Amino acid sequence: MLKLPLRSAATLVARLDTFSPQIAVQVRPLYQLWRDGQTRQLQLVEERARYAKLQQSSDSELETLRQQELALREQLELTTRKLENLTDIERQLSSRKPGGNFGSEKVPEVIHDDP
């Protein structure tokens, strides 16, 4: 097959079809075999181009998802650290003895609801 741009090759094969009635009867089976091969080659080129485009699109989407996952993991780590800090503070507050550092004031008891 000639190395032509896809549209040019398709146009060339279509033009050749207009001459097929003029091809000698003895050569027509060979011509048809060649023509079928050309058609399959064109289809293969089209499919490869479509596949390459889909692959590029999929790769782009996958990269976007990876970036989103990374951002979400970082956000989760930050939220987890904040929650751990709050838990530590709560633990410290609940372990203080009433009247400890506050003079004669009584610290109210903290009641936790079970989740």
C-alpha atoms as a PDB file:
ATOM      1  CA  MET A   1       0.000   0.000   0.000  1.00  0.00           C
ATOM      2  CA  LEU A   2       1.166   3.501  -0.722  1.00  0.00           C
ATOM      3  CA  LYS A   3       2.114   5.706   2.194  1.00  0.00           C
ATOM      4  CA  LEU A   4      -0.558   8.361   1.760  1.00  0.00           C
ATOM      5  CA  PRO A   5      -2.593  10.284   4.283  1.00  0.00           C
ATOM      6  CA  LEU A   6      -5.667   8.290   5.252  1.00  0.00           C
ATOM      7  CA  ARG A   7      -8.136  10.471   3.339  1.00  0.00           C
ATOM      8  CA  SER A   8      -5.956  10.487   0.224  1.00  0.00           C
ATOM      9  CA  ALA A   9      -5.631   6.704   0.294  1.00  0.00           C
ATOM     10  CA  ALA A  10      -9.375   6.259   0.742  1.00  0.00           C
ATOM     11  CA  THR A  11     -10.036   8.699  -2.097  1.00  0.00           C
ATOM     12  CA  LEU A  12      -7.567   6.885  -4.344  1.00  0.00           C
ATOM     13  CA  VAL A  13      -9.176   3.499  -3.697  1.00  0.00           C
ATOM     14  CA  ALA A  14     -12.634   4.998  -4.328  1.00  0.00           C
ATOM     15  CA  ARG A  15     -11.409   6.446  -7.621  1.00  0.00           C
ATOM     16  CA  LEU A  16      -9.997   3.070  -8.625  1.00  0.00           C
ATOM     17  CA  ASP A  17     -13.456   1.576  -8.041  1.00  0.00           C
ATOM     18  CA  THR A  18     -14.803   3.774 -10.838  1.00  0.00           C
ATOM     19  CA  PHE A  19     -12.416   2.015 -13.237  1.00  0.00           C
ATOM     20  CA  SER A  20     -13.273  -1.535 -12.119  1.00  0.00           C
ATOM     21  CA  PRO A  21     -15.762  -2.146 -14.970  1.00  0.00           C
ATOM     22  CA  GLN A  22     -12.908  -1.480 -17.412  1.00  0.00           C
ATOM     23  CA  ILE A  23     -10.658  -4.132 -15.849  1.00  0.00           C
ATOM     24  CA  ALA A  24     -10.361  -7.295 -17.919  1.00  0.00           C
ATOM     25  CA  VAL A  25     -12.519 -10.186 -16.713  1.00  0.00           C
ATOM     26  CA  GLN A  26      -9.450 -12.436 -16.320  1.00  0.00           C
ATOM     27  CA  VAL A  27      -7.804  -9.913 -13.957  1.00  0.00           C
ATOM     28  CA  ARG A  28     -10.876  -8.935 -11.930  1.00  0.00           C
ATOM     29  CA  PRO A  29     -10.486 -11.660  -9.248  1.00  0.00           C
ATOM     30  CA  LEU A  30      -6.902 -10.513  -8.672  1.00  0.00           C
ATOM     31  CA  TYR A  31      -8.004  -6.870  -8.641  1.00  0.00           C
ATOM     32  CA  GLN A  32     -10.811  -7.670  -6.182  1.00  0.00           C
ATOM     33  CA  LEU A  33      -8.360  -9.488  -3.920  1.00  0.00           C
ATOM     34  CA  TRP A  34      -6.013  -6.497  -4.030  1.00  0.00           C
ATOM     35  CA  ARG A  35      -8.934  -4.108  -3.456  1.00  0.00           C
ATOM     36  CA  ASP A  36     -10.135  -6.079  -0.430  1.00  0.00           C
ATOM     37  CA  GLY A  37      -6.612  -5.956   0.998  1.00  0.00           C
ATOM     38  CA  GLN A  38      -6.493  -2.184   0.501  1.00  0.00           C
ATOM     39  CA  THR A  39      -9.850  -1.785   2.216  1.00  0.00           C
ATOM     40  CA  ARG A  40      -8.686  -3.858   5.173  1.00  0.00           C
ATOM     41  CA  GLN A  41      -5.463  -1.844   5.378  1.00  0.00           C
ATOM     42  CA  LEU A  42      -7.472   1.384   5.486  1.00  0.00           C
ATOM     43  CA  GLN A  43      -9.765  -0.027   8.158  1.00  0.00           C
ATOM     44  CA  LEU A  44      -6.746  -1.094  10.186  1.00  0.00           C
ATOM     45  CA  VAL A  45      -5.215   2.379   9.967  1.00  0.00           C
ATOM     46  CA  GLU A  46      -8.529   3.937  11.025  1.00  0.00           C
ATOM     47  CA  GLU A  47      -8.895   1.529  13.952  1.00  0.00           C
ATOM     48  CA  ARG A  48      -5.340   2.184  15.105  1.00  0.00           C
ATOM     49  CA  ALA A  49      -5.938   5.932  14.987  1.00  0.00           C
ATOM     50  CA  ARG A  50      -9.177   5.519  16.947  1.00  0.00           C
ATOM     51  CA  TYR A  51      -7.423   3.273  19.480  1.00  0.00           C
ATOM     52  CA  ALA A  52      -4.558   5.762  19.902  1.00  0.00           C
ATOM     53  CA  LYS A  53      -7.060   8.560  20.519  1.00  0.00           C
ATOM     54  CA  LEU A  54      -8.969   6.470  23.066  1.00  0.00           C
ATOM     55  CA  GLN A  55      -5.725   5.443  24.755  1.00  0.00           C
ATOM     56  CA  GLN A  56      -4.625   9.069  25.041  1.00  0.00           C
ATOM     57  CA  SER A  57      -8.011  10.053  26.451  1.00  0.00           C
ATOM     58  CA  SER A  58      -7.934   7.172  28.949  1.00  0.00           C
ATOM     59  CA  ASP A  59      -4.388   8.018  30.011  1.00  0.00           C
ATOM     60  CA  SER A  60      -5.405  11.630  30.560  1.00  0.00           C
ATOM     61  CA  GLU A  61      -8.436  10.631  32.631  1.00  0.00           C
ATOM     62  CA  LEU A  62      -6.335   8.191  34.642  1.00  0.00           C
ATOM     63  CA  GLU A  63      -3.769  10.891  35.413  1.00  0.00           C
ATOM     64  CA  THR A  64      -6.558  13.232  36.538  1.00  0.00           C
ATOM     65  CA  LEU A  65      -7.933  10.513  38.818  1.00  0.00           C
ATOM     66  CA  ARG A  66      -4.461   9.882  40.265  1.00  0.00           C
ATOM     67  CA  GLN A  67      -4.076  13.576  41.034  1.00  0.00           C
ATOM     68  CA  GLN A  68      -7.510  13.638  42.670  1.00  0.00           C
ATOM     69  CA  GLU A  69      -6.655  10.554  44.715  1.00  0.00           C
ATOM     70  CA  LEU A  70      -3.422  12.165  45.885  1.00  0.00           C
ATOM     71  CA  ALA A  71      -5.233  15.353  46.917  1.00  0.00           C
ATOM     72  CA  LEU A  72      -7.918  13.349  48.738  1.00  0.00           C
ATOM     73  CA  ARG A  73      -5.303  11.260  50.559  1.00  0.00           C
ATOM     74  CA  GLU A  74      -3.523  14.428  51.689  1.00  0.00           C
ATOM     75  CA  GLN A  75      -6.831  15.888  52.857  1.00  0.00           C
ATOM     76  CA  LEU A  76      -7.642  12.653  54.698  1.00  0.00           C
ATOM     77  CA  GLU A  77      -4.237  12.666  56.423  1.00  0.00           C
ATOM     78  CA  LEU A  78      -4.727  16.284  57.508  1.00  0.00           C
ATOM     79  CA  THR A  79      -8.228  15.583  58.808  1.00  0.00           C
ATOM     80  CA  THR A  80      -6.980  12.470  60.619  1.00  0.00           C
ATOM     81  CA  ARG A  81      -4.202  14.468  62.313  1.00  0.00           C
ATOM     82  CA  LYS A  82      -6.677  17.141  63.371  1.00  0.00           C
ATOM     83  CA  LEU A  83      -9.037  14.515  64.753  1.00  0.00           C
ATOM     84  CA  GLU A  84      -6.192  12.847  66.651  1.00  0.00           C
ATOM     85  CA  ASN A  85      -5.190  16.227  68.099  1.00  0.00           C
ATOM     86  CA  LEU A  86      -8.762  16.906  69.185  1.00  0.00           C
ATOM     87  CA  THR A  87      -8.978  13.439  70.719  1.00  0.00           C
ATOM     88  CA  ASP A  88      -5.755  14.076  72.645  1.00  0.00           C
ATOM     89  CA  ILE A  89      -7.089  17.415  73.895  1.00  0.00           C
ATOM     90  CA  GLU A  90     -10.367  15.795  74.920  1.00  0.00           C
ATOM     91  CA  ARG A  91      -8.473  13.044  76.726  1.00  0.00           C
ATOM     92  CA  GLN A  92      -6.348  15.601  78.569  1.00  0.00           C
ATOM     93  CA  LEU A  93      -9.388  17.616  79.573  1.00  0.00           C
ATOM     94  CA  SER A  94     -11.314  14.585  80.771  1.00  0.00           C
ATOM     95  CA  SER A  95      -8.353  13.332  82.821  1.00  0.00           C
ATOM     96  CA  ARG A  96      -8.049  16.584  84.823  1.00  0.00           C
ATOM     97  CA  LYS A  97      -9.222  16.330  88.371  1.00  0.00           C
ATOM     98  CA  PRO A  98     -11.979  18.676  89.385  1.00  0.00           C
ATOM     99  CA  GLY A  99     -10.613  21.721  91.171  1.00  0.00           C
ATOM    100  CA  GLY A 100      -7.067  21.023  89.924  1.00  0.00           C
ATOM    101  CA  ASN A 101      -5.737  24.164  88.317  1.00  0.00           C
ATOM    102  CA  PHE A 102      -8.930  26.177  88.523  1.00  0.00           C
ATOM    103  CA  GLY A 103      -8.951  26.996  92.196  1.00  0.00           C
ATOM    104  CA  SER A 104     -12.232  26.128  93.844  1.00  0.00           C
ATOM    105  CA  GLU A 105     -14.235  25.967  90.599  1.00  0.00           C
ATOM    106  CA  LYS A 106     -15.567  22.579  89.715  1.00  0.00           C
ATOM    107  CA  VAL A 107     -14.966  21.293  86.152  1.00  0.00           C
ATOM    108  CA  PRO A 108     -18.162  19.916  84.623  1.00  0.00           C
ATOM    109  CA  GLU A 109     -18.111  16.274  83.754  1.00  0.00           C
ATOM    110  CA  VAL A 110     -17.937  15.571  80.023  1.00  0.00           C
ATOM    111  CA  ILE A 111     -20.404  12.942  78.855  1.00  0.00           C
ATOM    112  CA  HIS A 112     -19.576  11.189  75.612  1.00  0.00           C
ATOM    113  CA  ASP A 113     -22.228   9.681  73.417  1.00  0.00           C
ATOM    114  CA  ASP A 114     -21.303   6.315  72.008  1.00  0.00           C
ATOM    115  CA  PRO A 115     -21.348   6.381  68.196  1.00  0.00           C
END
